């Protein structure tokens, strides 16, 4: 079974991107693949929380990829995987706390929130 993403390929791409100062499309595709794989291995109560965790992982990868220092380590895979895990956890925790605070309430910009499920057109309209 071949690896879905090799450390050597990822390292080569990160070093190239650090040299140019911009991410390549290939690097972005690698980040998306890494984030999806890391998040898919963790259990979630519902799809919303999983999607939020995945978004947080991708966002942190895009924000912090350039902090990898190839002179200190050649394991870009482990470094970026850890960034993914921390980004997913950070986003998940925010979403989970938000969901617990407003559990059973529909949120709408026009009508505030209500505790009944009769007005479902306001859900997710923040």
N, C-alpha and C. Protein backbone atom coordinates (compact mmCIF):
# COMPACT_ATOMS: atom_id res chain seq x y z
N UNK A 1 0.85 -1.18 0.00
CA UNK A 1 0.00 0.00 0.00
C UNK A 1 0.90 1.25 0.00
N UNK A 2 0.68 2.13 -0.91
CA UNK A 2 1.50 3.34 -0.99
C UNK A 2 0.94 4.42 -0.06
N UNK A 3 1.82 5.30 0.38
CA UNK A 3 1.40 6.40 1.24
C UNK A 3 0.60 7.40 0.44
N UNK A 4 -0.37 8.00 1.08
CA UNK A 4 -1.19 8.99 0.39
C UNK A 4 -0.44 10.30 0.21
N UNK A 5 0.57 10.53 1.05
CA UNK A 5 1.36 11.75 0.99
C UNK A 5 2.72 11.42 1.59
N UNK A 6 3.77 11.56 0.82
CA UNK A 6 5.09 11.21 1.34
C UNK A 6 5.77 12.43 1.93
N UNK A 7 6.56 12.17 2.96
CA UNK A 7 7.28 13.24 3.64
C UNK A 7 8.27 13.91 2.68
N UNK A 8 8.96 13.13 1.87
CA UNK A 8 9.97 13.70 0.97
C UNK A 8 9.32 14.63 -0.06
N UNK A 9 8.19 14.23 -0.60
CA UNK A 9 7.49 15.06 -1.58
C UNK A 9 6.95 16.34 -0.93
N UNK A 10 6.40 16.20 0.27
CA UNK A 10 5.89 17.35 1.00
C UNK A 10 7.02 18.30 1.39
N UNK A 11 8.13 17.76 1.85
CA UNK A 11 9.28 18.58 2.21
C UNK A 11 9.80 19.36 1.01
N UNK A 12 9.91 18.68 -0.10
CA UNK A 12 10.40 19.33 -1.32
C UNK A 12 9.48 20.49 -1.72
N UNK A 13 8.20 20.28 -1.62
CA UNK A 13 7.24 21.32 -2.00
C UNK A 13 7.27 22.50 -1.02
N UNK A 14 7.39 22.21 0.26
CA UNK A 14 7.44 23.28 1.26
C UNK A 14 8.71 24.10 1.10
N UNK A 15 9.82 23.46 0.87
CA UNK A 15 11.09 24.19 0.67
C UNK A 15 10.99 25.09 -0.56
N UNK A 16 10.40 24.57 -1.62
CA UNK A 16 10.22 25.38 -2.83
C UNK A 16 9.31 26.59 -2.55
N UNK A 17 8.22 26.35 -1.84
CA UNK A 17 7.27 27.43 -1.52
C UNK A 17 7.91 28.48 -0.61
N UNK A 18 8.70 28.03 0.35
CA UNK A 18 9.39 28.99 1.22
C UNK A 18 10.37 29.83 0.41
N UNK A 19 10.99 29.24 -0.60
CA UNK A 19 11.92 29.97 -1.45
C UNK A 19 11.24 31.04 -2.29
N UNK A 20 10.03 30.73 -2.76
CA UNK A 20 9.29 31.69 -3.58
C UNK A 20 8.42 32.62 -2.74
N UNK A 21 8.13 32.20 -1.51
CA UNK A 21 7.29 33.01 -0.64
C UNK A 21 5.80 32.84 -0.88
N UNK A 22 5.42 31.93 -1.77
CA UNK A 22 4.01 31.69 -2.08
C UNK A 22 3.75 30.19 -2.17
N UNK A 23 2.53 29.82 -1.82
CA UNK A 23 2.12 28.43 -1.95
C UNK A 23 1.81 28.09 -3.39
N UNK A 24 2.18 26.91 -3.80
CA UNK A 24 1.82 26.42 -5.13
C UNK A 24 0.48 25.70 -5.05
N UNK A 25 -0.13 25.46 -6.18
CA UNK A 25 -1.39 24.69 -6.21
C UNK A 25 -1.17 23.28 -5.68
N UNK A 26 -0.01 22.72 -5.98
CA UNK A 26 0.29 21.37 -5.51
C UNK A 26 0.37 21.33 -3.99
N UNK A 27 0.98 22.35 -3.39
CA UNK A 27 1.08 22.42 -1.92
C UNK A 27 -0.31 22.56 -1.30
N UNK A 28 -1.15 23.38 -1.90
CA UNK A 28 -2.51 23.55 -1.38
C UNK A 28 -3.28 22.24 -1.46
N UNK A 29 -3.13 21.52 -2.56
CA UNK A 29 -3.78 20.21 -2.69
C UNK A 29 -3.27 19.24 -1.63
N UNK A 30 -1.97 19.29 -1.35
CA UNK A 30 -1.40 18.43 -0.30
C UNK A 30 -1.99 18.79 1.06
N UNK A 31 -2.14 20.08 1.33
CA UNK A 31 -2.70 20.53 2.60
C UNK A 31 -4.14 20.05 2.75
N UNK A 32 -4.91 20.16 1.68
CA UNK A 32 -6.31 19.72 1.72
C UNK A 32 -6.38 18.22 2.00
N UNK A 33 -5.54 17.46 1.32
CA UNK A 33 -5.51 16.01 1.52
C UNK A 33 -5.12 15.68 2.96
N UNK A 34 -4.11 16.36 3.48
CA UNK A 34 -3.66 16.13 4.84
C UNK A 34 -4.75 16.47 5.86
N UNK A 35 -5.39 17.61 5.70
CA UNK A 35 -6.44 18.03 6.63
C UNK A 35 -7.61 17.06 6.60
N UNK A 36 -8.02 16.65 5.42
CA UNK A 36 -9.14 15.71 5.32
C UNK A 36 -8.81 14.38 5.98
N UNK A 37 -7.59 13.91 5.80
CA UNK A 37 -7.20 12.62 6.38
C UNK A 37 -7.12 12.71 7.90
N UNK A 38 -6.51 13.77 8.41
CA UNK A 38 -6.37 13.92 9.86
C UNK A 38 -7.74 14.02 10.52
N UNK A 39 -8.62 14.83 9.97
CA UNK A 39 -9.93 15.03 10.57
C UNK A 39 -10.81 13.79 10.43
N UNK A 40 -10.67 13.06 9.34
CA UNK A 40 -11.51 11.88 9.15
C UNK A 40 -11.19 10.76 10.14
N UNK A 41 -10.03 10.80 10.74
CA UNK A 41 -9.64 9.76 11.69
C UNK A 41 -10.16 10.01 13.11
N UNK A 42 -10.78 11.16 13.33
CA UNK A 42 -11.30 11.50 14.64
C UNK A 42 -12.83 11.37 14.65
N UNK A 43 -13.42 10.96 15.79
CA UNK A 43 -14.88 10.81 15.85
C UNK A 43 -15.58 12.14 16.12
N UNK A 44 -16.73 12.36 15.48
CA UNK A 44 -17.52 13.57 15.68
C UNK A 44 -18.98 13.19 15.85
N UNK A 45 -19.68 13.97 16.68
CA UNK A 45 -21.09 13.69 16.94
C UNK A 45 -21.96 13.98 15.73
N UNK A 46 -21.60 15.02 14.96
CA UNK A 46 -22.37 15.32 13.75
C UNK A 46 -21.44 15.92 12.69
N UNK A 47 -21.98 16.01 11.49
CA UNK A 47 -21.18 16.48 10.35
C UNK A 47 -20.78 17.94 10.47
N UNK A 48 -21.61 18.74 11.12
CA UNK A 48 -21.28 20.16 11.28
C UNK A 48 -19.97 20.33 12.05
N UNK A 49 -19.82 19.60 13.14
CA UNK A 49 -18.60 19.71 13.94
C UNK A 49 -17.39 19.20 13.16
N UNK A 50 -17.57 18.13 12.38
CA UNK A 50 -16.47 17.61 11.57
C UNK A 50 -16.05 18.62 10.52
N UNK A 51 -17.03 19.25 9.87
CA UNK A 51 -16.72 20.25 8.85
C UNK A 51 -16.01 21.47 9.44
N UNK A 52 -16.44 21.87 10.62
CA UNK A 52 -15.79 23.00 11.29
C UNK A 52 -14.35 22.66 11.66
N UNK A 53 -14.13 21.45 12.15
CA UNK A 53 -12.78 21.02 12.50
C UNK A 53 -11.89 20.97 11.27
N UNK A 54 -12.44 20.46 10.17
CA UNK A 54 -11.68 20.38 8.92
C UNK A 54 -11.34 21.77 8.41
N UNK A 55 -12.28 22.69 8.49
CA UNK A 55 -12.03 24.06 8.07
C UNK A 55 -10.95 24.72 8.91
N UNK A 56 -10.99 24.48 10.21
CA UNK A 56 -9.98 25.03 11.10
C UNK A 56 -8.60 24.46 10.81
N UNK A 57 -8.55 23.17 10.49
CA UNK A 57 -7.27 22.54 10.15
C UNK A 57 -6.69 23.15 8.88
N UNK A 58 -7.53 23.33 7.88
CA UNK A 58 -7.07 23.92 6.61
C UNK A 58 -6.62 25.36 6.80
N UNK A 59 -7.38 26.11 7.60
CA UNK A 59 -7.03 27.50 7.82
C UNK A 59 -5.68 27.62 8.53
N UNK A 60 -5.46 26.80 9.55
CA UNK A 60 -4.18 26.87 10.26
C UNK A 60 -3.02 26.43 9.38
N UNK A 61 -3.25 25.47 8.51
CA UNK A 61 -2.19 25.08 7.57
C UNK A 61 -1.81 26.25 6.67
N UNK A 62 -2.80 26.97 6.19
CA UNK A 62 -2.53 28.11 5.32
C UNK A 62 -1.87 29.26 6.08
N UNK A 63 -2.18 29.38 7.36
CA UNK A 63 -1.60 30.47 8.15
C UNK A 63 -0.17 30.18 8.61
N UNK A 64 0.11 28.92 8.96
CA UNK A 64 1.37 28.62 9.65
C UNK A 64 2.34 27.73 8.87
N UNK A 65 2.08 27.40 7.63
CA UNK A 65 2.96 26.52 6.88
C UNK A 65 4.38 27.09 6.77
N UNK A 66 4.49 28.41 6.68
CA UNK A 66 5.79 29.02 6.45
C UNK A 66 6.66 29.07 7.69
N UNK A 67 6.17 28.63 8.81
CA UNK A 67 6.98 28.58 10.04
C UNK A 67 7.84 27.33 10.12
N UNK A 68 7.64 26.41 9.19
CA UNK A 68 8.48 25.21 9.17
C UNK A 68 9.90 25.60 8.79
N UNK A 69 10.86 25.12 9.56
CA UNK A 69 12.27 25.43 9.32
C UNK A 69 13.00 24.16 8.90
N UNK A 70 13.33 24.02 7.61
CA UNK A 70 13.99 22.81 7.14
C UNK A 70 15.42 22.64 7.67
N UNK A 71 15.99 23.68 8.26
CA UNK A 71 17.33 23.53 8.85
C UNK A 71 17.28 22.84 10.21
N UNK A 72 16.10 22.87 10.85
CA UNK A 72 15.94 22.24 12.16
C UNK A 72 15.40 20.82 12.06
N UNK A 73 14.61 20.57 11.02
CA UNK A 73 14.00 19.25 10.87
C UNK A 73 13.69 18.99 9.40
N UNK A 74 13.71 17.72 9.04
CA UNK A 74 13.34 17.35 7.67
C UNK A 74 11.98 16.66 7.63
N UNK A 75 11.28 16.64 8.76
CA UNK A 75 10.00 15.96 8.83
C UNK A 75 8.85 16.97 8.73
N UNK A 76 8.63 17.45 7.52
CA UNK A 76 7.54 18.41 7.28
C UNK A 76 6.18 17.77 7.52
N UNK A 77 6.08 16.49 7.24
CA UNK A 77 4.81 15.78 7.41
C UNK A 77 4.35 15.84 8.87
N UNK A 78 5.24 15.53 9.80
CA UNK A 78 4.88 15.54 11.22
C UNK A 78 4.53 16.96 11.68
N UNK A 79 5.30 17.93 11.23
CA UNK A 79 5.07 19.32 11.60
C UNK A 79 3.69 19.78 11.13
N UNK A 80 3.38 19.53 9.88
CA UNK A 80 2.11 19.97 9.32
C UNK A 80 0.92 19.17 9.88
N UNK A 81 1.15 17.91 10.19
CA UNK A 81 0.10 17.11 10.81
C UNK A 81 -0.26 17.67 12.18
N UNK A 82 0.75 18.09 12.92
CA UNK A 82 0.49 18.67 14.24
C UNK A 82 -0.27 19.99 14.11
N UNK A 83 0.08 20.81 13.13
CA UNK A 83 -0.65 22.05 12.88
C UNK A 83 -2.11 21.72 12.57
N UNK A 84 -2.32 20.68 11.77
CA UNK A 84 -3.67 20.23 11.42
C UNK A 84 -4.46 19.85 12.66
N UNK A 85 -3.87 19.04 13.50
CA UNK A 85 -4.56 18.58 14.71
C UNK A 85 -4.93 19.74 15.62
N UNK A 86 -3.99 20.66 15.81
CA UNK A 86 -4.27 21.79 16.70
C UNK A 86 -5.32 22.72 16.10
N UNK A 87 -5.28 22.94 14.78
CA UNK A 87 -6.28 23.77 14.14
C UNK A 87 -7.66 23.15 14.20
N UNK A 88 -7.72 21.84 14.00
CA UNK A 88 -9.00 21.13 14.08
C UNK A 88 -9.55 21.19 15.50
N UNK A 89 -8.70 20.98 16.49
CA UNK A 89 -9.16 21.02 17.88
C UNK A 89 -9.63 22.42 18.28
N UNK A 90 -8.90 23.42 17.85
CA UNK A 90 -9.28 24.80 18.18
C UNK A 90 -10.64 25.15 17.59
N UNK A 91 -10.85 24.81 16.34
CA UNK A 91 -12.11 25.11 15.67
C UNK A 91 -13.26 24.27 16.25
N UNK A 92 -12.99 23.00 16.51
CA UNK A 92 -14.00 22.12 17.10
C UNK A 92 -14.46 22.65 18.45
N UNK A 93 -13.51 23.05 19.30
CA UNK A 93 -13.85 23.53 20.63
C UNK A 93 -14.72 24.78 20.57
N UNK A 94 -14.40 25.70 19.67
CA UNK A 94 -15.22 26.90 19.51
C UNK A 94 -16.63 26.54 19.06
N UNK A 95 -16.73 25.67 18.07
CA UNK A 95 -18.04 25.29 17.54
C UNK A 95 -18.85 24.51 18.57
N UNK A 96 -18.19 23.64 19.31
CA UNK A 96 -18.89 22.84 20.31
C UNK A 96 -19.44 23.72 21.41
N UNK A 97 -18.64 24.67 21.89
CA UNK A 97 -19.11 25.59 22.94
C UNK A 97 -20.26 26.45 22.43
N UNK A 98 -20.16 26.92 21.19
CA UNK A 98 -21.22 27.72 20.60
C UNK A 98 -22.49 26.90 20.49
N UNK A 99 -22.38 25.66 20.05
CA UNK A 99 -23.54 24.78 19.92
C UNK A 99 -24.20 24.48 21.25
N UNK A 100 -23.41 24.28 22.31
CA UNK A 100 -23.98 24.02 23.63
C UNK A 100 -24.69 25.24 24.18
N UNK A 101 -24.14 26.43 23.92
CA UNK A 101 -24.73 27.66 24.43
C UNK A 101 -26.10 27.92 23.83
N UNK A 102 -26.26 27.61 22.55
CA UNK A 102 -27.50 27.90 21.85
C UNK A 102 -28.27 26.65 21.47
N UNK A 103 -28.07 25.57 22.20
CA UNK A 103 -28.71 24.29 21.88
C UNK A 103 -30.23 24.45 21.91
N UNK A 104 -30.88 24.01 20.85
CA UNK A 104 -32.33 24.07 20.77
C UNK A 104 -32.87 25.41 20.33
N UNK A 105 -32.01 26.33 19.98
CA UNK A 105 -32.44 27.66 19.56
C UNK A 105 -32.06 27.87 18.11
N UNK A 106 -32.94 28.45 17.36
CA UNK A 106 -32.66 28.79 15.98
C UNK A 106 -32.18 30.23 15.92
N UNK A 107 -31.13 30.47 15.22
CA UNK A 107 -30.53 31.80 15.18
C UNK A 107 -30.82 32.46 13.85
N UNK A 108 -31.31 33.69 13.92
CA UNK A 108 -31.64 34.44 12.72
C UNK A 108 -31.33 35.90 12.94
N UNK A 109 -30.85 36.58 11.93
CA UNK A 109 -30.56 38.01 12.04
C UNK A 109 -31.86 38.81 12.13
N UNK A 110 -32.91 38.33 11.51
CA UNK A 110 -34.16 39.10 11.47
C UNK A 110 -34.98 38.97 12.74
N UNK A 111 -35.01 37.78 13.33
CA UNK A 111 -35.92 37.58 14.46
C UNK A 111 -35.21 37.17 15.75
N UNK A 112 -33.92 37.37 15.85
CA UNK A 112 -33.21 36.93 17.05
C UNK A 112 -33.15 35.42 17.08
N UNK A 113 -33.42 34.83 18.24
CA UNK A 113 -33.50 33.38 18.28
C UNK A 113 -34.77 32.96 18.99
N UNK A 114 -35.19 31.77 18.68
CA UNK A 114 -36.38 31.23 19.31
C UNK A 114 -36.11 29.81 19.73
N UNK A 115 -36.90 29.31 20.66
CA UNK A 115 -36.66 27.96 21.15
C UNK A 115 -37.53 26.92 20.46
N UNK A 116 -38.44 27.35 19.61
CA UNK A 116 -39.28 26.38 18.91
C UNK A 116 -38.71 26.12 17.52
N UNK A 117 -39.04 24.96 16.99
CA UNK A 117 -38.54 24.57 15.68
C UNK A 117 -39.50 24.92 14.55
N UNK A 118 -40.52 25.72 14.82
CA UNK A 118 -41.52 26.01 13.81
C UNK A 118 -40.98 26.93 12.73
N UNK A 119 -40.07 27.82 13.07
CA UNK A 119 -39.52 28.78 12.11
C UNK A 119 -38.12 28.35 11.71
N UNK A 120 -38.04 27.40 10.79
CA UNK A 120 -36.72 26.86 10.43
C UNK A 120 -36.02 27.64 9.36
N UNK A 121 -36.67 28.67 8.79
CA UNK A 121 -35.98 29.43 7.74
C UNK A 121 -34.87 30.32 8.30
N UNK A 122 -34.81 30.52 9.61
CA UNK A 122 -33.80 31.37 10.21
C UNK A 122 -32.52 30.64 10.56
N UNK A 123 -32.54 29.33 10.48
CA UNK A 123 -31.35 28.58 10.88
C UNK A 123 -30.20 28.84 9.91
N UNK A 124 -29.02 29.01 10.44
CA UNK A 124 -27.78 29.25 9.70
C UNK A 124 -27.80 30.54 8.90
N UNK A 125 -28.61 31.50 9.28
CA UNK A 125 -28.64 32.76 8.52
C UNK A 125 -27.89 33.89 9.23
N UNK A 126 -26.89 33.53 9.99
CA UNK A 126 -26.11 34.55 10.71
C UNK A 126 -25.31 35.35 9.71
